C-alpha atoms as a PDB file:
ATOM      1  CA  UNK A   1     -29.773 -40.782 -31.928  1.00  0.00           C
ATOM      2  CA  UNK A   2     -26.533 -39.088 -31.189  1.00  0.00           C
ATOM      3  CA  UNK A   3     -22.803 -41.259 -31.910  1.00  0.00           C
ATOM      4  CA  UNK A   4     -21.879 -44.113 -29.844  1.00  0.00           C
ATOM      5  CA  UNK A   5     -18.157 -43.419 -28.548  1.00  0.00           C
ATOM      6  CA  UNK A   6     -15.722 -46.079 -28.668  1.00  0.00           C
ATOM      7  CA  UNK A   7     -12.833 -46.809 -26.571  1.00  0.00           C
ATOM      8  CA  UNK A   8     -10.328 -44.910 -23.867  1.00  0.00           C
ATOM      9  CA  UNK A   9     -13.573 -41.974 -25.668  1.00  0.00           C
ATOM     10  CA  UNK A  10     -16.104 -43.633 -24.134  1.00  0.00           C
ATOM     11  CA  UNK A  11     -13.960 -43.114 -20.717  1.00  0.00           C
ATOM     12  CA  UNK A  12     -12.839 -40.198 -20.996  1.00  0.00           C
ATOM     13  CA  UNK A  13     -16.350 -38.654 -21.364  1.00  0.00           C
ATOM     14  CA  UNK A  14     -17.620 -41.100 -18.771  1.00  0.00           C
ATOM     15  CA  UNK A  15     -15.145 -39.757 -15.678  1.00  0.00           C
ATOM     16  CA  UNK A  16     -16.249 -37.074 -14.314  1.00  0.00           C
ATOM     17  CA  UNK A  17     -15.241 -34.107 -11.722  1.00  0.00           C
ATOM     18  CA  UNK A  18     -15.007 -36.698  -8.750  1.00  0.00           C
ATOM     19  CA  UNK A  19     -12.602 -39.379 -10.088  1.00  0.00           C
ATOM     20  CA  UNK A  20     -10.701 -36.297 -10.893  1.00  0.00           C
ATOM     21  CA  UNK A  21      -8.821 -35.618  -8.294  1.00  0.00           C
ATOM     22  CA  UNK A  22      -5.454 -36.147  -7.105  1.00  0.00           C
ATOM     23  CA  UNK A  23      -3.603 -37.296  -4.348  1.00  0.00           C
ATOM     24  CA  UNK A  24      -3.526 -36.172  -0.811  1.00  0.00           C
ATOM     25  CA  UNK A  25      -0.002 -36.835  -0.977  1.00  0.00           C
ATOM     26  CA  UNK A  26       1.567 -34.415  -3.823  1.00  0.00           C
ATOM     27  CA  UNK A  27       0.496 -30.855  -2.702  1.00  0.00           C
ATOM     28  CA  UNK A  28       2.290 -28.598  -5.115  1.00  0.00           C
ATOM     29  CA  UNK A  29       4.030 -26.002  -1.870  1.00  0.00           C
ATOM     30  CA  UNK A  30       3.836 -22.771  -3.001  1.00  0.00           C
ATOM     31  CA  UNK A  31       7.763 -20.995  -2.235  1.00  0.00           C
ATOM     32  CA  UNK A  32       6.526 -17.060  -0.474  1.00  0.00           C
ATOM     33  CA  UNK A  33       9.155 -14.756  -2.113  1.00  0.00           C
ATOM     34  CA  UNK A  34      11.133 -11.757  -0.474  1.00  0.00           C
ATOM     35  CA  UNK A  35       9.681  -8.046  -0.318  1.00  0.00           C
ATOM     36  CA  UNK A  36       9.813  -4.591   0.934  1.00  0.00           C
ATOM     37  CA  UNK A  37       6.492  -4.823  -0.185  1.00  0.00           C
ATOM     38  CA  UNK A  38       4.633  -4.573   3.024  1.00  0.00           C
ATOM     39  CA  UNK A  39       7.508  -1.968   4.628  1.00  0.00           C
ATOM     40  CA  UNK A  40       7.221   0.290   1.422  1.00  0.00           C
ATOM     41  CA  UNK A  41       4.041   0.850   1.124  1.00  0.00           C
ATOM     42  CA  UNK A  42       3.798   1.249   4.662  1.00  0.00           C
ATOM     43  CA  UNK A  43       6.484   3.981   4.906  1.00  0.00           C
ATOM     44  CA  UNK A  44       4.318   6.616   1.951  1.00  0.00           C
ATOM     45  CA  UNK A  45       1.109   5.742   4.339  1.00  0.00           C
ATOM     46  CA  UNK A  46       2.712   8.005   7.161  1.00  0.00           C
ATOM     47  CA  UNK A  47       4.398  10.631   4.145  1.00  0.00           C
ATOM     48  CA  UNK A  48       1.575  10.331   1.846  1.00  0.00           C
ATOM     49  CA  UNK A  49      -1.707   9.092   3.442  1.00  0.00           C
ATOM     50  CA  UNK A  50      -3.806  10.000   0.290  1.00  0.00           C
ATOM     51  CA  UNK A  51      -1.258   8.691  -1.475  1.00  0.00           C
ATOM     52  CA  UNK A  52      -1.891   5.082  -3.790  1.00  0.00           C
ATOM     53  CA  UNK A  53       1.864   3.168  -5.942  1.00  0.00           C
ATOM     54  CA  UNK A  54       1.076   1.053  -8.080  1.00  0.00           C
ATOM     55  CA  UNK A  55       2.384  -2.714  -8.765  1.00  0.00           C
ATOM     56  CA  UNK A  56       5.281  -1.708 -11.382  1.00  0.00           C
ATOM     57  CA  UNK A  57       6.618   0.935  -8.884  1.00  0.00           C
ATOM     58  CA  UNK A  58       6.399  -0.515  -5.819  1.00  0.00           C
ATOM     59  CA  UNK A  59       9.072  -3.397  -8.053  1.00  0.00           C
ATOM     60  CA  UNK A  60      10.956  -0.710  -9.041  1.00  0.00           C
ATOM     61  CA  UNK A  61      11.122   0.454  -5.122  1.00  0.00           C
ATOM     62  CA  UNK A  62      11.592  -2.902  -3.758  1.00  0.00           C
ATOM     63  CA  UNK A  63      14.670  -3.254  -6.592  1.00  0.00           C
ATOM     64  CA  UNK A  64      15.862  -0.947  -5.115  1.00  0.00           C
ATOM     65  CA  UNK A  65      16.331  -1.646  -1.954  1.00  0.00           C
ATOM     66  CA  UNK A  66      16.896  -5.009  -2.259  1.00  0.00           C
ATOM     67  CA  UNK A  67      20.198  -2.966  -4.619  1.00  0.00           C
ATOM     68  CA  UNK A  68      21.069  -0.637  -1.258  1.00  0.00           C
ATOM     69  CA  UNK A  69      20.667  -3.425   0.329  1.00  0.00           C
ATOM     70  CA  UNK A  70      23.893  -5.131  -1.073  1.00  0.00           C
ATOM     71  CA  UNK A  71      25.677  -1.963  -1.406  1.00  0.00           C
ATOM     72  CA  UNK A  72      26.082  -2.153   2.307  1.00  0.00           C
ATOM     73  CA  UNK A  73      26.699  -5.150   3.157  1.00  0.00           C
ATOM     74  CA  UNK A  74      29.340  -6.203   0.656  1.00  0.00           C
ATOM     75  CA  UNK A  75      30.918  -1.591   1.730  1.00  0.00           C
ATOM     76  CA  UNK A  76      30.951  -3.704   5.629  1.00  0.00           C
ATOM     77  CA  UNK A  77      32.960  -6.669   4.161  1.00  0.00           C
ATOM     78  CA  UNK A  78      35.082  -4.897   2.202  1.00  0.00           C
ATOM     79  CA  UNK A  79      35.523  -2.495   5.509  1.00  0.00           C
ATOM     80  CA  UNK A  80      36.225  -5.981   8.073  1.00  0.00           C
ATOM     81  CA  UNK A  81      38.573  -7.331   5.943  1.00  0.00           C
ATOM     82  CA  UNK A  82      40.649  -4.395   5.757  1.00  0.00           C
ATOM     83  CA  UNK A  83      40.542  -4.079   9.389  1.00  0.00           C
ATOM     84  CA  UNK A  84      41.900  -7.397   9.459  1.00  0.00           C
ATOM     85  CA  UNK A  85      44.232  -7.382   7.257  1.00  0.00           C
ATOM     86  CA  UNK A  86      46.025  -4.201   9.578  1.00  0.00           C
ATOM     87  CA  UNK A  87      45.807  -6.112  12.901  1.00  0.00           C
ATOM     88  CA  UNK A  88      47.074  -8.872  11.217  1.00  0.00           C
ATOM     89  CA  UNK A  89      50.133  -6.405  10.295  1.00  0.00           C
ATOM     90  CA  UNK A  90      50.657  -5.146  13.038  1.00  0.00           C
ATOM     91  CA  UNK A  91      50.473  -7.924  14.888  1.00  0.00           C
ATOM     92  CA  UNK A  92      53.993  -9.690  12.471  1.00  0.00           C
ATOM     93  CA  UNK A  93      55.317  -6.267  12.565  1.00  0.00           C
ATOM     94  CA  UNK A  94      55.203  -4.865  16.477  1.00  0.00           C
ATOM     95  CA  UNK A  95      58.302  -2.448  16.027  1.00  0.00           C
ATOM     96  CA  UNK A  96      56.325  -0.963  12.768  1.00  0.00           C
ATOM     97  CA  UNK A  97      53.930   1.418  15.605  1.00  0.00           C
ATOM     98  CA  UNK A  98      55.473   0.418  18.926  1.00  0.00           C
ATOM     99  CA  UNK A  99      53.245   0.606  22.212  1.00  0.00           C
ATOM    100  CA  UNK A 100      54.766   2.948  25.070  1.00  0.00           C
ATOM    101  CA  UNK A 101      56.304   1.082  27.903  1.00  0.00           C
ATOM    102  CA  UNK A 102      54.396  -0.563  30.593  1.00  0.00           C
ATOM    103  CA  UNK A 103      54.956   1.372  33.667  1.00  0.00           C
ATOM    104  CA  UNK A 104      55.305   0.757  37.128  1.00  0.00           C
ATOM    105  CA  UNK A 105      52.427   1.291  40.274  1.00  0.00           C
ATOM    106  CA  UNK A 106      52.690   4.747  41.352  1.00  0.00           C
ATOM    107  CA  UNK A 107      55.259   6.228  38.602  1.00  0.00           C
ATOM    108  CA  UNK A 108      54.019   8.923  37.586  1.00  0.00           C
ATOM    109  CA  UNK A 109      54.461  10.621  34.533  1.00  0.00           C
ATOM    110  CA  UNK A 110      56.956  13.622  33.836  1.00  0.00           C
ATOM    111  CA  UNK A 111      56.154  16.059  32.114  1.00  0.00           C
END
């Protein structure tokens, strides 16, 4: 004869898988991670159709592409800021880089 279970243990033993369901409104949302893996894989298959790549190698390649992308973005930002400074400088000091005087219509340039 099995021992009698009392209290909470009896309630736990009585529950089935059907009773332990989560509420319908509280589902976990999975966040997608952006990756260049599919593009790297497509290029690899174009270059070497019979070659595969491990997940660790794919992770390294993905990090490489992200790093290059960040460097290009930083350089682009730097160049845009530099161009903006030069433009601002030329607007404040128009005598530094004089433009040719305006010509009248029909006036020919003599050399």
